[in-house]
């Protein structure tokens, strides 16, 4: 077979971040009675998601730290909602990071495809920009730990995707070569372009079928399509 080592992204590729975050935010909205401020749960989730995505872009470009991301996203959400930073409940950020990784939703066909790939003899690994402590809890909660030989986090090697050094670190750690490796992820910049620049073929997981003009080795909208490639 052409590939021996398959490197997956975790969030938004296998672990359904949006579904799990939605459940967590609804729980926190109710627990802290945030609706008393005249805000709907849908508006709260939308503003938080927009703020969080923006902060993650800053984090991935090295402009803010992990701690800054964690402590500022909820106060900024409340300001964006027309409220005050002080209206953000004490401890809500810690609650979010405690509850979220215990959620179990994964994308359709995740287990079926991972079983298929493992049974065919592929060696499976993860490369993630997510926080190390959180990612391991997610893997355990969603019963994904058993599938992966190596979990390479940006914290463990000091570089974030799309920096080629995290891919090079992953290859070295797994004993793989770029020619026999394939990166599978949902993010065009971090996963696809990063892997391309490191010499790896790529699978762009694009469930929303977003338009783009990038040259990609493979593109899928459902994980089950990996069976047609591998």
Foldseek 3Di string as FASTA:
>chain_A
DQAAEEAEAPDPFWADQVVLLLVLLVVVCVVLVVCVVVDDSVLLSVLLVVLLVVVVVCVQVVNDDPVCSLPVSQLVSQVVVVHGSVSRDPCSSVSSLVRRLLDADTAPCNVVLLVVCVVVNHAYEYEYQDDPVSVVSNCVNNVNVVSHPYYQYCVVQVHAFLALVSVVVVCVVVVHDQRNYEYEYADCRRTFVSSVVNNHAYEHAHLVPDDDDDDHNHYDNGSVCVVVVD
